[in-house]
Amino acid sequence: MTVEIKHALYFVTEVDETHPTGKALLDLSHEMRITMLEGMLKELIAPALQPALDHINENGSFAILKVAK
């Protein structure tokens, strides 16, 4: 039997409020900004992390680390 323990690694995005794309991002609601930024992180970083996760988990006898979906 396995039990999931959810934990998080937090990121901070610094936005240039004078850049047109930065302005567009800041015009979105807080919730939409978070959804968008988290989606981008999952798409861009999760695949790059997979080899490291595979290495960490290769001898895992009691716990397996995964990226939550």
N, C-alpha and C. Protein backbone atom coordinates (compact mmCIF):
# COMPACT_ATOMS: atom_id res chain seq x y z
N MET A 1 0.85 -1.18 0.00
CA MET A 1 0.00 0.00 0.00
C MET A 1 0.90 1.24 0.00
N THR A 2 0.53 2.23 -0.79
CA THR A 2 1.30 3.48 -0.82
C THR A 2 0.43 4.65 -0.41
N VAL A 3 1.05 5.64 0.15
CA VAL A 3 0.40 6.86 0.58
C VAL A 3 1.13 8.02 -0.09
N GLU A 4 0.40 8.96 -0.67
CA GLU A 4 1.02 10.13 -1.28
C GLU A 4 1.20 11.23 -0.24
N ILE A 5 2.38 11.82 -0.24
CA ILE A 5 2.66 12.99 0.59
C ILE A 5 2.94 14.13 -0.38
N LYS A 6 2.06 15.12 -0.41
CA LYS A 6 2.25 16.26 -1.32
C LYS A 6 3.12 17.30 -0.63
N HIS A 7 4.11 17.76 -1.36
CA HIS A 7 4.97 18.83 -0.88
C HIS A 7 5.32 19.70 -2.07
N ALA A 8 5.88 20.87 -1.84
CA ALA A 8 6.06 21.81 -2.93
C ALA A 8 7.44 22.48 -2.88
N LEU A 9 7.88 22.85 -4.06
CA LEU A 9 9.05 23.69 -4.24
C LEU A 9 8.53 24.96 -4.88
N TYR A 10 8.69 26.07 -4.23
CA TYR A 10 8.10 27.31 -4.72
C TYR A 10 9.08 28.10 -5.58
N PHE A 11 8.56 28.70 -6.62
CA PHE A 11 9.33 29.55 -7.52
C PHE A 11 8.80 30.98 -7.43
N VAL A 12 9.65 31.92 -7.76
CA VAL A 12 9.25 33.32 -7.84
C VAL A 12 9.58 33.80 -9.24
N THR A 13 8.63 34.46 -9.89
CA THR A 13 8.85 35.02 -11.22
C THR A 13 8.91 36.53 -11.09
N GLU A 14 10.02 37.09 -11.51
CA GLU A 14 10.17 38.54 -11.50
C GLU A 14 9.75 39.06 -12.87
N VAL A 15 8.81 39.97 -12.89
CA VAL A 15 8.23 40.48 -14.12
C VAL A 15 8.63 41.93 -14.34
N ASP A 16 9.11 42.23 -15.54
CA ASP A 16 9.44 43.62 -15.91
C ASP A 16 8.13 44.30 -16.30
N GLU A 17 7.64 45.15 -15.43
CA GLU A 17 6.34 45.78 -15.65
C GLU A 17 6.37 46.81 -16.77
N THR A 18 7.56 47.13 -17.31
CA THR A 18 7.64 48.06 -18.43
C THR A 18 7.66 47.33 -19.78
N HIS A 19 7.84 46.02 -19.78
CA HIS A 19 7.86 45.23 -21.02
C HIS A 19 6.42 44.92 -21.43
N PRO A 20 6.11 44.98 -22.72
CA PRO A 20 4.72 44.72 -23.16
C PRO A 20 4.17 43.37 -22.70
N THR A 21 4.98 42.32 -22.76
CA THR A 21 4.51 41.01 -22.31
C THR A 21 4.33 41.00 -20.79
N GLY A 22 5.24 41.66 -20.08
CA GLY A 22 5.11 41.78 -18.63
C GLY A 22 3.84 42.52 -18.25
N LYS A 23 3.55 43.60 -18.98
CA LYS A 23 2.32 44.35 -18.73
C LYS A 23 1.09 43.47 -18.96
N ALA A 24 1.12 42.70 -20.04
CA ALA A 24 -0.02 41.82 -20.36
C ALA A 24 -0.21 40.78 -19.25
N LEU A 25 0.89 40.23 -18.75
CA LEU A 25 0.80 39.25 -17.67
C LEU A 25 0.21 39.89 -16.42
N LEU A 26 0.67 41.07 -16.09
CA LEU A 26 0.19 41.75 -14.89
C LEU A 26 -1.25 42.22 -15.00
N ASP A 27 -1.77 42.33 -16.22
CA ASP A 27 -3.17 42.70 -16.42
C ASP A 27 -4.12 41.53 -16.12
N LEU A 28 -3.58 40.32 -16.07
CA LEU A 28 -4.41 39.14 -15.78
C LEU A 28 -4.74 39.10 -14.29
N SER A 29 -5.78 38.35 -13.94
CA SER A 29 -6.10 38.16 -12.52
C SER A 29 -4.98 37.36 -11.86
N HIS A 30 -4.86 37.48 -10.57
CA HIS A 30 -3.84 36.75 -9.82
C HIS A 30 -3.94 35.24 -10.08
N GLU A 31 -5.16 34.74 -10.05
CA GLU A 31 -5.38 33.30 -10.26
C GLU A 31 -4.92 32.87 -11.65
N MET A 32 -5.21 33.69 -12.67
CA MET A 32 -4.83 33.37 -14.04
C MET A 32 -3.30 33.40 -14.19
N ARG A 33 -2.66 34.37 -13.56
CA ARG A 33 -1.19 34.44 -13.60
C ARG A 33 -0.58 33.17 -13.03
N ILE A 34 -1.06 32.75 -11.86
CA ILE A 34 -0.54 31.56 -11.21
C ILE A 34 -0.76 30.33 -12.08
N THR A 35 -1.97 30.19 -12.61
CA THR A 35 -2.29 29.05 -13.48
C THR A 35 -1.36 29.01 -14.69
N MET A 36 -1.17 30.15 -15.30
CA MET A 36 -0.32 30.24 -16.49
C MET A 36 1.13 29.93 -16.17
N LEU A 37 1.67 30.54 -15.13
CA LEU A 37 3.07 30.33 -14.77
C LEU A 37 3.33 28.90 -14.32
N GLU A 38 2.43 28.32 -13.54
CA GLU A 38 2.60 26.94 -13.10
C GLU A 38 2.52 25.98 -14.28
N GLY A 39 1.62 26.26 -15.22
CA GLY A 39 1.52 25.43 -16.42
C GLY A 39 2.80 25.47 -17.24
N MET A 40 3.36 26.66 -17.38
CA MET A 40 4.62 26.80 -18.13
C MET A 40 5.74 26.05 -17.43
N LEU A 41 5.82 26.16 -16.11
CA LEU A 41 6.86 25.45 -15.37
C LEU A 41 6.74 23.95 -15.56
N LYS A 42 5.52 23.43 -15.46
CA LYS A 42 5.33 21.99 -15.63
C LYS A 42 5.72 21.54 -17.03
N GLU A 43 5.36 22.32 -18.04
CA GLU A 43 5.69 21.95 -19.41
C GLU A 43 7.19 22.04 -19.70
N LEU A 44 7.85 23.05 -19.16
CA LEU A 44 9.26 23.28 -19.48
C LEU A 44 10.23 22.58 -18.54
N ILE A 45 9.91 22.53 -17.26
CA ILE A 45 10.86 22.01 -16.29
C ILE A 45 10.66 20.53 -15.99
N ALA A 46 9.43 20.07 -15.94
CA ALA A 46 9.19 18.67 -15.58
C ALA A 46 9.94 17.70 -16.49
N PRO A 47 9.91 17.88 -17.82
CA PRO A 47 10.66 16.95 -18.67
C PRO A 47 12.18 16.98 -18.41
N ALA A 48 12.69 18.15 -18.08
CA ALA A 48 14.12 18.27 -17.78
C ALA A 48 14.47 17.60 -16.45
N LEU A 49 13.51 17.58 -15.52
CA LEU A 49 13.73 16.95 -14.22
C LEU A 49 13.65 15.42 -14.27
N GLN A 50 12.98 14.89 -15.28
CA GLN A 50 12.71 13.46 -15.30
C GLN A 50 13.96 12.60 -15.19
N PRO A 51 15.06 12.91 -15.91
CA PRO A 51 16.26 12.09 -15.73
C PRO A 51 16.79 12.09 -14.29
N ALA A 52 16.73 13.25 -13.63
CA ALA A 52 17.17 13.32 -12.24
C ALA A 52 16.25 12.51 -11.33
N LEU A 53 14.94 12.59 -11.58
CA LEU A 53 13.99 11.81 -10.79
C LEU A 53 14.22 10.31 -11.00
N ASP A 54 14.46 9.91 -12.24
CA ASP A 54 14.73 8.50 -12.53
C ASP A 54 15.96 8.03 -11.77
N HIS A 55 17.00 8.86 -11.73
CA HIS A 55 18.22 8.51 -10.99
C HIS A 55 17.94 8.39 -9.49
N ILE A 56 17.21 9.35 -8.95
CA ILE A 56 16.87 9.32 -7.52
C ILE A 56 16.05 8.08 -7.18
N ASN A 57 15.13 7.71 -8.08
CA ASN A 57 14.19 6.64 -7.81
C ASN A 57 14.69 5.25 -8.17
N GLU A 58 15.83 5.14 -8.86
CA GLU A 58 16.23 3.84 -9.39
C GLU A 58 16.42 2.77 -8.33
N ASN A 59 16.81 3.13 -7.14
CA ASN A 59 16.95 2.15 -6.06
C ASN A 59 15.93 2.39 -4.95
N GLY A 60 14.86 3.06 -5.31
CA GLY A 60 13.85 3.42 -4.31
C GLY A 60 13.14 2.20 -3.77
N SER A 61 13.31 1.95 -2.51
CA SER A 61 12.64 0.81 -1.90
C SER A 61 11.47 1.25 -1.02
N PHE A 62 11.50 2.50 -0.55
CA PHE A 62 10.42 2.92 0.34
C PHE A 62 9.66 4.14 -0.15
N ALA A 63 10.23 4.90 -1.14
CA ALA A 63 9.55 6.10 -1.62
C ALA A 63 9.98 6.41 -3.05
N ILE A 64 9.05 6.90 -3.84
CA ILE A 64 9.30 7.30 -5.22
C ILE A 64 8.89 8.76 -5.36
N LEU A 65 9.79 9.57 -5.91
CA LEU A 65 9.53 11.00 -6.10
C LEU A 65 8.99 11.21 -7.51
N LYS A 66 7.86 11.93 -7.62
CA LYS A 66 7.22 12.20 -8.91
C LYS A 66 6.81 13.66 -9.00
N VAL A 67 6.63 14.14 -10.21
CA VAL A 67 6.04 15.47 -10.42
C VAL A 67 4.53 15.29 -10.44
N ALA A 68 3.84 16.00 -9.56
CA ALA A 68 2.37 15.91 -9.48
C ALA A 68 1.74 16.53 -10.70
N LYS A 69 0.63 15.97 -11.12
CA LYS A 69 -0.09 16.49 -12.30
C LYS A 69 -1.32 17.22 -11.88
